[in-house]
Amino acid sequence: MGLGLGVVVLTMGDRPRELGALLDSVAAQEGEAARVVVIGQGARLPPLPPWADAVEPPKNLGIPGGRNLGVRRLRELGGVDVVVNLDDDGLLPRTDTFRLVREAFEREQRLGVVGFRVADATGRTRRRHVPRPGRSGVLRSGEVTTFLGGGHAIRMSAIERVGGFPARFFYAHEETDFAWRVLDAGWSIRYRADLLLQHPRTDPARPAAHYRPTARTRVRPAERRLPAALLPPYPASWSLHALARRPPAAGLRAWWSGFLEDVRTPCPPRLPMRWATVWRMTRLGHPPVF
């Protein structure tokens, strides 16, 4: 008998058709059925298949808080060795995805996280969805230093070792904080181009309301996890990155407002990573300063 898989899906209840299609693609996966938990983020859930466990917290817990609740529910259900987090408007177009996930974790005992490739209906993966520097490597699987929130799998024992997602982040960059802790504990993270999550293409010109919460949590992983010597380069590099992307004036003002709020607001606990981890990330092409 292979590793037991559990699936966590967060939803605001406003995409019932997309959620239904995702759950159908989960049910179509080869091998032993996964345990599925759907979290309604402060919203009533639409009718679900009988094999999906519905959890409706009274308020929106944010992305990291919702995922943590899903993990707790999977622990209660039992028999879960690997947790798969999926966006509610995503789709698994291949039926062998869960089989490949199981094989990956069975083959590599220190594998902590597997990141999926996110692509639109035409098969195109946007640059910001590739978890490595540069513009190449969309179809190249391998060891990386981070992963995408919309589609990934985490070994349950890694969660138990390093703790869950940082609920105080609420939105954005919780994967960065978690990835740094996983790497610092000696686990590896792998990007798998063959594990495809089909996701609607989003407009890169996002509204100004998007920029503030994204920037507000940008500094928090650094405050919590970086050695003191790396704290100044981190916000400097991300400030330059924000300017280079040339957002609209309203977006730039919102970004700086959130960024400065984050700099002024402590986000404990502070547990800096080892310099050995910094060097490991640097060897993988992504030092933790940008």
C-alpha atoms as a PDB file:
ATOM      1  CA  MET A   1       0.000   0.000   0.000  1.00  0.00           C
ATOM      2  CA  GLY A   2       1.405   3.376  -1.052  1.00  0.00           C
ATOM      3  CA  LEU A   3       1.555   6.689   0.717  1.00  0.00           C
ATOM      4  CA  GLY A   4      -1.776   8.152   1.736  1.00  0.00           C
ATOM      5  CA  LEU A   5      -2.643  11.455   0.058  1.00  0.00           C
ATOM      6  CA  GLY A   6      -4.824  14.213   1.440  1.00  0.00           C
ATOM      7  CA  VAL A   7      -6.066  17.203  -0.556  1.00  0.00           C
ATOM      8  CA  VAL A   8      -6.864  20.651   0.828  1.00  0.00           C
ATOM      9  CA  VAL A   9      -8.860  23.133  -1.244  1.00  0.00           C
ATOM     10  CA  LEU A  10      -9.683  26.647  -0.039  1.00  0.00           C
ATOM     11  CA  THR A  11     -12.658  28.482  -1.505  1.00  0.00           C
ATOM     12  CA  MET A  12     -14.647  31.643  -0.926  1.00  0.00           C
ATOM     13  CA  GLY A  13     -17.739  29.870  -2.260  1.00  0.00           C
ATOM     14  CA  ASP A  14     -17.913  32.099  -5.333  1.00  0.00           C
ATOM     15  CA  ARG A  15     -16.602  29.616  -7.915  1.00  0.00           C
ATOM     16  CA  PRO A  16     -18.841  26.527  -7.583  1.00  0.00           C
ATOM     17  CA  ARG A  17     -18.437  25.473 -11.218  1.00  0.00           C
ATOM     18  CA  GLU A  18     -14.627  25.651 -11.096  1.00  0.00           C
ATOM     19  CA  LEU A  19     -14.565  23.895  -7.722  1.00  0.00           C
ATOM     20  CA  GLY A  20     -16.738  21.102  -9.095  1.00  0.00           C
ATOM     21  CA  ALA A  21     -14.438  20.650 -12.089  1.00  0.00           C
ATOM     22  CA  LEU A  22     -11.376  20.510  -9.814  1.00  0.00           C
ATOM     23  CA  LEU A  23     -12.971  17.881  -7.581  1.00  0.00           C
ATOM     24  CA  ASP A  24     -13.910  15.834 -10.644  1.00  0.00           C
ATOM     25  CA  SER A  25     -10.260  15.889 -11.733  1.00  0.00           C
ATOM     26  CA  VAL A  26      -9.215  14.816  -8.227  1.00  0.00           C
ATOM     27  CA  ALA A  27     -11.688  11.915  -8.310  1.00  0.00           C
ATOM     28  CA  ALA A  28     -10.301  10.827 -11.699  1.00  0.00           C
ATOM     29  CA  GLN A  29      -6.769  10.295 -10.339  1.00  0.00           C
ATOM     30  CA  GLU A  30      -5.277   6.826 -10.632  1.00  0.00           C
ATOM     31  CA  GLY A  31      -4.703   4.626  -7.606  1.00  0.00           C
ATOM     32  CA  GLU A  32      -5.984   4.854  -4.075  1.00  0.00           C
ATOM     33  CA  ALA A  33      -8.454   7.687  -3.537  1.00  0.00           C
ATOM     34  CA  ALA A  34      -7.174  10.724  -1.657  1.00  0.00           C
ATOM     35  CA  ARG A  35      -8.883  12.176   1.381  1.00  0.00           C
ATOM     36  CA  VAL A  36     -10.290  15.572   0.397  1.00  0.00           C
ATOM     37  CA  VAL A  37     -11.022  18.538   2.645  1.00  0.00           C
ATOM     38  CA  VAL A  38     -12.699  21.675   1.286  1.00  0.00           C
ATOM     39  CA  ILE A  39     -12.440  24.800   3.465  1.00  0.00           C
ATOM     40  CA  GLY A  40     -15.128  27.454   3.029  1.00  0.00           C
ATOM     41  CA  GLN A  41     -13.358  30.664   3.980  1.00  0.00           C
ATOM     42  CA  GLY A  42     -16.136  32.323   5.985  1.00  0.00           C
ATOM     43  CA  ALA A  43     -18.633  31.293   3.306  1.00  0.00           C
ATOM     44  CA  ARG A  44     -21.217  28.600   2.777  1.00  0.00           C
ATOM     45  CA  LEU A  45     -19.949  25.798   0.602  1.00  0.00           C
ATOM     46  CA  PRO A  46     -21.869  24.587  -2.449  1.00  0.00           C
ATOM     47  CA  PRO A  47     -23.004  20.956  -2.498  1.00  0.00           C
ATOM     48  CA  LEU A  48     -19.961  18.672  -2.495  1.00  0.00           C
ATOM     49  CA  PRO A  49     -19.464  15.002  -3.438  1.00  0.00           C
ATOM     50  CA  PRO A  50     -20.012  12.659  -0.477  1.00  0.00           C
ATOM     51  CA  TRP A  51     -16.295  11.788  -0.368  1.00  0.00           C
ATOM     52  CA  ALA A  52     -15.262  15.441   0.191  1.00  0.00           C
ATOM     53  CA  ASP A  53     -15.148  16.664   3.783  1.00  0.00           C
ATOM     54  CA  ALA A  54     -16.678  20.140   4.173  1.00  0.00           C
ATOM     55  CA  VAL A  55     -15.289  22.539   6.793  1.00  0.00           C
ATOM     56  CA  GLU A  56     -16.863  25.986   7.207  1.00  0.00           C
ATOM     57  CA  PRO A  57     -14.996  28.245   9.644  1.00  0.00           C
ATOM     58  CA  PRO A  58     -17.031  31.302  10.687  1.00  0.00           C
ATOM     59  CA  LYS A  59     -14.551  33.743   9.114  1.00  0.00           C
ATOM     60  CA  ASN A  60     -11.933  33.936   6.398  1.00  0.00           C
ATOM     61  CA  LEU A  61      -8.722  32.580   7.940  1.00  0.00           C
ATOM     62  CA  GLY A  62      -6.518  33.719   5.086  1.00  0.00           C
ATOM     63  CA  ILE A  63      -4.592  31.371   2.838  1.00  0.00           C
ATOM     64  CA  PRO A  64      -2.060  30.118   5.417  1.00  0.00           C
ATOM     65  CA  GLY A  65      -4.657  29.829   8.191  1.00  0.00           C
ATOM     66  CA  GLY A  66      -7.040  27.966   5.902  1.00  0.00           C
ATOM     67  CA  ARG A  67      -4.350  25.520   4.847  1.00  0.00           C
ATOM     68  CA  ASN A  68      -3.397  24.898   8.456  1.00  0.00           C
ATOM     69  CA  LEU A  69      -7.029  24.136   9.272  1.00  0.00           C
ATOM     70  CA  GLY A  70      -7.138  21.704   6.364  1.00  0.00           C
ATOM     71  CA  VAL A  71      -4.039  19.920   7.638  1.00  0.00           C
ATOM     72  CA  ARG A  72      -5.540  19.624  11.113  1.00  0.00           C
ATOM     73  CA  ARG A  73      -8.678  18.086   9.638  1.00  0.00           C
ATOM     74  CA  LEU A  74      -6.631  15.613   7.589  1.00  0.00           C
ATOM     75  CA  ARG A  75      -4.788  14.577  10.740  1.00  0.00           C
ATOM     76  CA  GLU A  76      -8.143  13.888  12.374  1.00  0.00           C
ATOM     77  CA  LEU A  77      -9.240  11.778   9.403  1.00  0.00           C
ATOM     78  CA  GLY A  78      -5.945   9.854   9.552  1.00  0.00           C
ATOM     79  CA  GLY A  79      -3.948   7.906   7.018  1.00  0.00           C
ATOM     80  CA  VAL A  80      -2.403  10.944   5.292  1.00  0.00           C
ATOM     81  CA  ASP A  81       1.332  10.997   4.559  1.00  0.00           C
ATOM     82  CA  VAL A  82       1.353  13.758   1.921  1.00  0.00           C
ATOM     83  CA  VAL A  83      -0.794  16.901   1.770  1.00  0.00           C
ATOM     84  CA  VAL A  84      -1.698  18.342  -1.643  1.00  0.00           C
ATOM     85  CA  ASN A  85      -2.832  21.993  -1.727  1.00  0.00           C
ATOM     86  CA  LEU A  86      -4.800  23.065  -4.802  1.00  0.00           C
ATOM     87  CA  ASP A  87      -6.426  26.315  -5.932  1.00  0.00           C
ATOM     88  CA  ASP A  88     -10.194  26.042  -6.234  1.00  0.00           C
ATOM     89  CA  ASP A  89     -10.107  27.314  -9.844  1.00  0.00           C
ATOM     90  CA  GLY A  90      -7.361  24.915 -10.879  1.00  0.00           C
ATOM     91  CA  LEU A  91      -7.661  21.604 -12.695  1.00  0.00           C
ATOM     92  CA  LEU A  92      -5.581  18.419 -12.883  1.00  0.00           C
ATOM     93  CA  PRO A  93      -5.622  17.559 -16.605  1.00  0.00           C
ATOM     94  CA  ARG A  94      -3.578  14.363 -16.146  1.00  0.00           C
ATOM     95  CA  THR A  95      -4.918  11.357 -14.263  1.00  0.00           C
ATOM     96  CA  ASP A  96      -1.472  10.157 -13.166  1.00  0.00           C
ATOM     97  CA  THR A  97      -0.543  13.251 -11.120  1.00  0.00           C
ATOM     98  CA  PHE A  98      -1.172  11.713  -7.708  1.00  0.00           C
ATOM     99  CA  ARG A  99       0.627   8.514  -8.707  1.00  0.00           C
ATOM    100  CA  LEU A 100       3.688  10.546  -9.679  1.00  0.00           C
ATOM    101  CA  VAL A 101       3.487  12.490  -6.415  1.00  0.00           C
ATOM    102  CA  ARG A 102       3.441   9.263  -4.401  1.00  0.00           C
ATOM    103  CA  GLU A 103       6.378   7.864  -6.364  1.00  0.00           C
ATOM    104  CA  ALA A 104       8.401  11.043  -5.826  1.00  0.00           C
ATOM    105  CA  PHE A 105       7.999  10.974  -2.047  1.00  0.00           C
ATOM    106  CA  GLU A 106       8.591   7.228  -1.854  1.00  0.00           C
ATOM    107  CA  ARG A 107      11.795   7.519  -3.890  1.00  0.00           C
ATOM    108  CA  GLU A 108      13.362  10.401  -1.927  1.00  0.00           C
ATOM    109  CA  GLN A 109      12.942  10.168   1.831  1.00  0.00           C
ATOM    110  CA  ARG A 110      14.217  13.719   2.486  1.00  0.00           C
ATOM    111  CA  LEU A 111      11.883  15.255  -0.077  1.00  0.00           C
ATOM    112  CA  GLY A 112       9.774  17.808   1.784  1.00  0.00           C
ATOM    113  CA  VAL A 113       7.847  19.623  -0.960  1.00  0.00           C
ATOM    114  CA  VAL A 114       6.971  19.005  -4.602  1.00  0.00           C
ATOM    115  CA  GLY A 115       5.908  22.048  -6.610  1.00  0.00           C
ATOM    116  CA  PHE A 116       3.597  21.658  -9.609  1.00  0.00           C
ATOM    117  CA  ARG A 117       3.896  23.492 -12.918  1.00  0.00           C
ATOM    118  CA  VAL A 118       1.052  25.990 -13.354  1.00  0.00           C
ATOM    119  CA  ALA A 119      -0.087  26.597 -16.931  1.00  0.00           C
ATOM    120  CA  ASP A 120      -3.133  28.034 -18.662  1.00  0.00           C
ATOM    121  CA  ALA A 121      -5.435  26.110 -20.993  1.00  0.00           C
ATOM    122  CA  THR A 122      -2.995  26.610 -23.899  1.00  0.00           C
ATOM    123  CA  GLY A 123      -0.116  25.082 -21.892  1.00  0.00           C
ATOM    124  CA  ARG A 124       1.667  28.396 -21.346  1.00  0.00           C
ATOM    125  CA  THR A 125       3.411  28.946 -18.015  1.00  0.00           C
ATOM    126  CA  ARG A 126       4.009  32.559 -17.035  1.00  0.00           C
ATOM    127  CA  ARG A 127       7.500  33.559 -15.937  1.00  0.00           C
ATOM    128  CA  ARG A 128       6.335  34.448 -12.423  1.00  0.00           C
ATOM    129  CA  HIS A 129       5.121  30.851 -12.027  1.00  0.00           C
ATOM    130  CA  VAL A 130       8.578  29.316 -12.484  1.00  0.00           C
ATOM    131  CA  PRO A 131      10.298  28.896  -9.078  1.00  0.00           C
ATOM    132  CA  ARG A 132      13.831  29.617 -10.255  1.00  0.00           C
ATOM    133  CA  PRO A 133      15.671  32.724 -11.506  1.00  0.00           C
ATOM    134  CA  GLY A 134      15.953  33.513 -15.200  1.00  0.00           C
ATOM    135  CA  ARG A 135      13.602  32.955 -18.104  1.00  0.00           C
ATOM    136  CA  SER A 136      14.469  29.358 -18.936  1.00  0.00           C
ATOM    137  CA  GLY A 137      13.627  26.103 -17.286  1.00  0.00           C
ATOM    138  CA  VAL A 138       9.828  26.045 -17.488  1.00  0.00           C
ATOM    139  CA  LEU A 139       9.931  22.409 -18.582  1.00  0.00           C
ATOM    140  CA  ARG A 140      13.028  21.507 -16.555  1.00  0.00           C
ATOM    141  CA  SER A 141      12.338  19.638 -13.336  1.00  0.00           C
ATOM    142  CA  GLY A 142      14.804  19.791 -10.487  1.00  0.00           C
ATOM    143  CA  GLU A 143      15.697  20.991  -7.020  1.00  0.00           C
ATOM    144  CA  VAL A 144      14.591  24.552  -6.211  1.00  0.00           C
ATOM    145  CA  THR A 145      14.263  26.815  -3.189  1.00  0.00           C
ATOM    146  CA  THR A 146      10.551  27.644  -3.249  1.00  0.00           C
ATOM    147  CA  PHE A 147       7.210  26.517  -4.679  1.00  0.00           C
ATOM    148  CA  LEU A 148       3.869  27.860  -5.876  1.00  0.00           C
ATOM    149  CA  GLY A 149       0.922  28.023  -3.532  1.00  0.00           C
ATOM    150  CA  GLY A 150      -1.669  27.101  -6.157  1.00  0.00           C
ATOM    151  CA  GLY A 151      -0.435  23.548  -6.632  1.00  0.00           C
ATOM    152  CA  HIS A 152       2.034  21.635  -4.467  1.00  0.00           C
ATOM    153  CA  ALA A 153       2.445  18.605  -2.234  1.00  0.00           C
ATOM    154  CA  ILE A 154       4.078  18.526   1.228  1.00  0.00           C
ATOM    155  CA  ARG A 155       5.187  15.557   3.272  1.00  0.00           C
ATOM    156  CA  MET A 156       3.103  15.501   6.457  1.00  0.00           C
ATOM    157  CA  SER A 157       6.140  14.697   8.600  1.00  0.00           C
ATOM    158  CA  ALA A 158       7.848  17.849   7.264  1.00  0.00           C
ATOM    159  CA  ILE A 159       4.870  19.914   8.423  1.00  0.00           C
ATOM    160  CA  GLU A 160       5.064  18.248  11.824  1.00  0.00           C
ATOM    161  CA  ARG A 161       8.810  18.973  11.957  1.00  0.00           C
ATOM    162  CA  VAL A 162       8.822  22.674  10.970  1.00  0.00           C
ATOM    163  CA  GLY A 163       5.234  23.730  11.771  1.00  0.00           C
ATOM    164  CA  GLY A 164       2.485  24.938   9.481  1.00  0.00           C
ATOM    165  CA  PHE A 165       2.131  28.038   7.345  1.00  0.00           C
ATOM    166  CA  PRO A 166       2.444  31.407   9.155  1.00  0.00           C
ATOM    167  CA  ALA A 167      -1.193  32.349   9.749  1.00  0.00           C
ATOM    168  CA  ARG A 168      -0.302  35.999  10.505  1.00  0.00           C
ATOM    169  CA  PHE A 169       0.726  36.499   6.877  1.00  0.00           C
ATOM    170  CA  PHE A 170      -2.934  35.977   5.830  1.00  0.00           C
ATOM    171  CA  TYR A 171      -2.112  36.536   2.146  1.00  0.00           C
ATOM    172  CA  ALA A 172       1.102  36.208   0.106  1.00  0.00           C
ATOM    173  CA  HIS A 173       4.634  34.928   0.792  1.00  0.00           C
ATOM    174  CA  GLU A 174       3.608  32.245   3.274  1.00  0.00           C
ATOM    175  CA  GLU A 175       5.225  29.732   0.899  1.00  0.00           C
ATOM    176  CA  THR A 176       8.552  31.591   1.133  1.00  0.00           C
ATOM    177  CA  ASP A 177       8.581  31.406   4.927  1.00  0.00           C
ATOM    178  CA  PHE A 178       7.610  27.738   4.882  1.00  0.00           C
ATOM    179  CA  ALA A 179      10.145  26.857   2.163  1.00  0.00           C
ATOM    180  CA  TRP A 180      13.003  28.466   4.087  1.00  0.00           C
ATOM    181  CA  ARG A 181      12.101  26.491   7.211  1.00  0.00           C
ATOM    182  CA  VAL A 182      11.891  23.238   5.253  1.00  0.00           C
ATOM    183  CA  LEU A 183      15.289  23.818   3.658  1.00  0.00           C
ATOM    184  CA  ASP A 184      16.840  24.809   6.968  1.00  0.00           C
ATOM    185  CA  ALA A 185      15.576  21.547   8.504  1.00  0.00           C
ATOM    186  CA  GLY A 186      17.397  19.542   5.818  1.00  0.00           C
ATOM    187  CA  TRP A 187      14.495  18.697   3.496  1.00  0.00           C
ATOM    188  CA  SER A 188      14.568  19.305  -0.257  1.00  0.00           C
ATOM    189  CA  ILE A 189      12.076  21.036  -2.568  1.00  0.00           C
ATOM    190  CA  ARG A 190      11.592  19.856  -6.134  1.00  0.00           C
ATOM    191  CA  TYR A 191       9.844  21.501  -9.059  1.00  0.00           C
ATOM    192  CA  ARG A 192       8.156  18.947 -11.311  1.00  0.00           C
ATOM    193  CA  ALA A 193       7.266  20.212 -14.769  1.00  0.00           C
ATOM    194  CA  ASP A 194       5.280  17.032 -15.466  1.00  0.00           C
ATOM    195  CA  LEU A 195       2.905  17.656 -12.548  1.00  0.00           C
ATOM    196  CA  LEU A 196       0.568  20.089 -14.226  1.00  0.00           C
ATOM    197  CA  LEU A 197      -2.055  22.288 -12.612  1.00  0.00           C
ATOM    198  CA  GLN A 198      -4.148  23.983 -15.265  1.00  0.00           C
ATOM    199  CA  HIS A 199      -5.103  27.447 -14.048  1.00  0.00           C
ATOM    200  CA  PRO A 200      -6.871  30.371 -15.725  1.00  0.00           C
ATOM    201  CA  ARG A 201      -4.511  32.996 -17.023  1.00  0.00           C
ATOM    202  CA  THR A 202      -4.569  36.126 -14.868  1.00  0.00           C
ATOM    203  CA  ASP A 203      -3.985  39.651 -16.076  1.00  0.00           C
ATOM    204  CA  PRO A 204      -0.483  40.788 -15.078  1.00  0.00           C
ATOM    205  CA  ALA A 205      -1.780  44.362 -14.780  1.00  0.00           C
ATOM    206  CA  ARG A 206      -3.424  43.782 -11.442  1.00  0.00           C
ATOM    207  CA  PRO A 207      -5.490  46.352  -9.546  1.00  0.00           C
ATOM    208  CA  ALA A 208      -3.838  48.574  -6.954  1.00  0.00           C
ATOM    209  CA  ALA A 209      -5.615  46.646  -4.183  1.00  0.00           C
ATOM    210  CA  HIS A 210      -3.401  43.659  -4.981  1.00  0.00           C
ATOM    211  CA  TYR A 211      -0.123  45.468  -4.385  1.00  0.00           C
ATOM    212  CA  ARG A 212      -0.585  46.511  -0.767  1.00  0.00           C
ATOM    213  CA  PRO A 213      -1.145  43.066   0.851  1.00  0.00           C
ATOM    214  CA  THR A 214       1.561  41.555  -1.361  1.00  0.00           C
ATOM    215  CA  ALA A 215       4.133  44.141  -0.267  1.00  0.00           C
ATOM    216  CA  ARG A 216       2.936  44.102   3.332  1.00  0.00           C
ATOM    217  CA  THR A 217       4.126  40.530   3.811  1.00  0.00           C
ATOM    218  CA  ARG A 218       7.239  40.810   1.637  1.00  0.00           C
ATOM    219  CA  VAL A 219       9.626  41.626   4.486  1.00  0.00           C
ATOM    220  CA  ARG A 220       8.167  39.227   7.051  1.00  0.00           C
ATOM    221  CA  PRO A 221      10.041  36.091   5.926  1.00  0.00           C
ATOM    222  CA  ALA A 222      13.312  38.043   6.100  1.00  0.00           C
ATOM    223  CA  GLU A 223      12.563  39.411   9.572  1.00  0.00           C
ATOM    224  CA  ARG A 224      11.815  35.906  10.806  1.00  0.00           C
ATOM    225  CA  ARG A 225      14.345  33.755   8.947  1.00  0.00           C
ATOM    226  CA  LEU A 226      17.362  35.631   7.558  1.00  0.00           C
ATOM    227  CA  PRO A 227      20.694  36.117   9.352  1.00  0.00           C
ATOM    228  CA  ALA A 228      21.146  39.736  10.467  1.00  0.00           C
ATOM    229  CA  ALA A 229      23.796  40.446   7.826  1.00  0.00           C
ATOM    230  CA  LEU A 230      21.291  39.697   5.044  1.00  0.00           C
ATOM    231  CA  LEU A 231      18.460  41.857   6.353  1.00  0.00           C
ATOM    232  CA  PRO A 232      19.527  45.118   4.581  1.00  0.00           C
ATOM    233  CA  PRO A 233      20.051  43.575   1.103  1.00  0.00           C
ATOM    234  CA  TYR A 234      16.670  41.842   1.117  1.00  0.00           C
ATOM    235  CA  PRO A 235      14.344  44.903   1.219  1.00  0.00           C
ATOM    236  CA  ALA A 236      16.733  46.813  -1.029  1.00  0.00           C
ATOM    237  CA  SER A 237      16.601  44.135  -3.738  1.00  0.00           C
ATOM    238  CA  TRP A 238      12.817  43.875  -3.583  1.00  0.00           C
ATOM    239  CA  SER A 239      12.433  47.659  -3.762  1.00  0.00           C
ATOM    240  CA  LEU A 240      14.464  47.681  -6.965  1.00  0.00           C
ATOM    241  CA  HIS A 241      12.449  44.727  -8.254  1.00  0.00           C
ATOM    242  CA  ALA A 242       9.182  46.595  -7.638  1.00  0.00           C
ATOM    243  CA  LEU A 243      10.454  49.636  -9.529  1.00  0.00           C
ATOM    244  CA  ALA A 244      11.749  47.526 -12.419  1.00  0.00           C
ATOM    245  CA  ARG A 245       8.300  46.005 -12.981  1.00  0.00           C
ATOM    246  CA  ARG A 246       6.920  49.527 -13.554  1.00  0.00           C
ATOM    247  CA  PRO A 247       3.519  49.131 -11.904  1.00  0.00           C
ATOM    248  CA  PRO A 248       0.901  51.862 -12.372  1.00  0.00           C
ATOM    249  CA  ALA A 249       1.265  54.899 -10.117  1.00  0.00           C
ATOM    250  CA  ALA A 250      -1.619  53.802  -7.878  1.00  0.00           C
ATOM    251  CA  GLY A 251      -0.137  50.315  -7.610  1.00  0.00           C
ATOM    252  CA  LEU A 252       3.312  51.670  -6.772  1.00  0.00           C
ATOM    253  CA  ARG A 253       1.894  53.896  -4.018  1.00  0.00           C
ATOM    254  CA  ALA A 254      -0.018  50.916  -2.595  1.00  0.00           C
ATOM    255  CA  TRP A 255       3.107  48.736  -2.805  1.00  0.00           C
ATOM    256  CA  TRP A 256       5.282  51.226  -0.912  1.00  0.00           C
ATOM    257  CA  SER A 257       2.571  51.785   1.688  1.00  0.00           C
ATOM    258  CA  GLY A 258       2.323  48.067   2.401  1.00  0.00           C
ATOM    259  CA  PHE A 259       6.093  47.591   2.246  1.00  0.00           C
ATOM    260  CA  LEU A 260       6.791  50.351   4.799  1.00  0.00           C
ATOM    261  CA  GLU A 261       4.016  49.053   7.059  1.00  0.00           C
ATOM    262  CA  ASP A 262       5.670  45.636   7.002  1.00  0.00           C
ATOM    263  CA  VAL A 263       9.086  47.102   7.837  1.00  0.00           C
ATOM    264  CA  ARG A 264       7.626  48.854  10.891  1.00  0.00           C
ATOM    265  CA  THR A 265       5.588  45.857  12.132  1.00  0.00           C
ATOM    266  CA  PRO A 266       7.376  42.998  13.967  1.00  0.00           C
ATOM    267  CA  CYS A 267       6.323  39.478  12.995  1.00  0.00           C
ATOM    268  CA  PRO A 268       7.816  37.019  15.507  1.00  0.00           C
ATOM    269  CA  PRO A 269       9.265  34.511  16.056  1.00  0.00           C
ATOM    270  CA  ARG A 270      12.739  35.359  14.802  1.00  0.00           C
ATOM    271  CA  LEU A 271      14.602  32.105  14.097  1.00  0.00           C
ATOM    272  CA  PRO A 272      17.327  32.844  11.512  1.00  0.00           C
ATOM    273  CA  MET A 273      18.326  30.084   9.114  1.00  0.00           C
ATOM    274  CA  ARG A 274      21.788  28.577   9.213  1.00  0.00           C
ATOM    275  CA  TRP A 275      24.497  29.956   6.951  1.00  0.00           C
ATOM    276  CA  ALA A 276      24.759  26.452   5.507  1.00  0.00           C
ATOM    277  CA  THR A 277      21.191  26.896   4.251  1.00  0.00           C
ATOM    278  CA  VAL A 278      22.045  30.285   2.751  1.00  0.00           C
ATOM    279  CA  TRP A 279      24.934  28.665   0.881  1.00  0.00           C
ATOM    280  CA  ARG A 280      22.746  25.767  -0.240  1.00  0.00           C
ATOM    281  CA  MET A 281      20.184  28.191  -1.691  1.00  0.00           C
ATOM    282  CA  THR A 282      22.960  30.155  -3.375  1.00  0.00           C
ATOM    283  CA  ARG A 283      24.290  26.986  -5.026  1.00  0.00           C
ATOM    284  CA  LEU A 284      20.781  26.342  -6.344  1.00  0.00           C
ATOM    285  CA  GLY A 285      20.875  29.765  -7.988  1.00  0.00           C
ATOM    286  CA  HIS A 286      18.528  31.596  -5.642  1.00  0.00           C
ATOM    287  CA  PRO A 287      20.214  33.162  -2.589  1.00  0.00           C
ATOM    288  CA  PRO A 288      17.630  34.417  -0.063  1.00  0.00           C
ATOM    289  CA  VAL A 289      18.110  38.118  -0.786  1.00  0.00           C
ATOM    290  CA  PHE A 290      15.835  38.486  -3.840  1.00  0.00           C
END
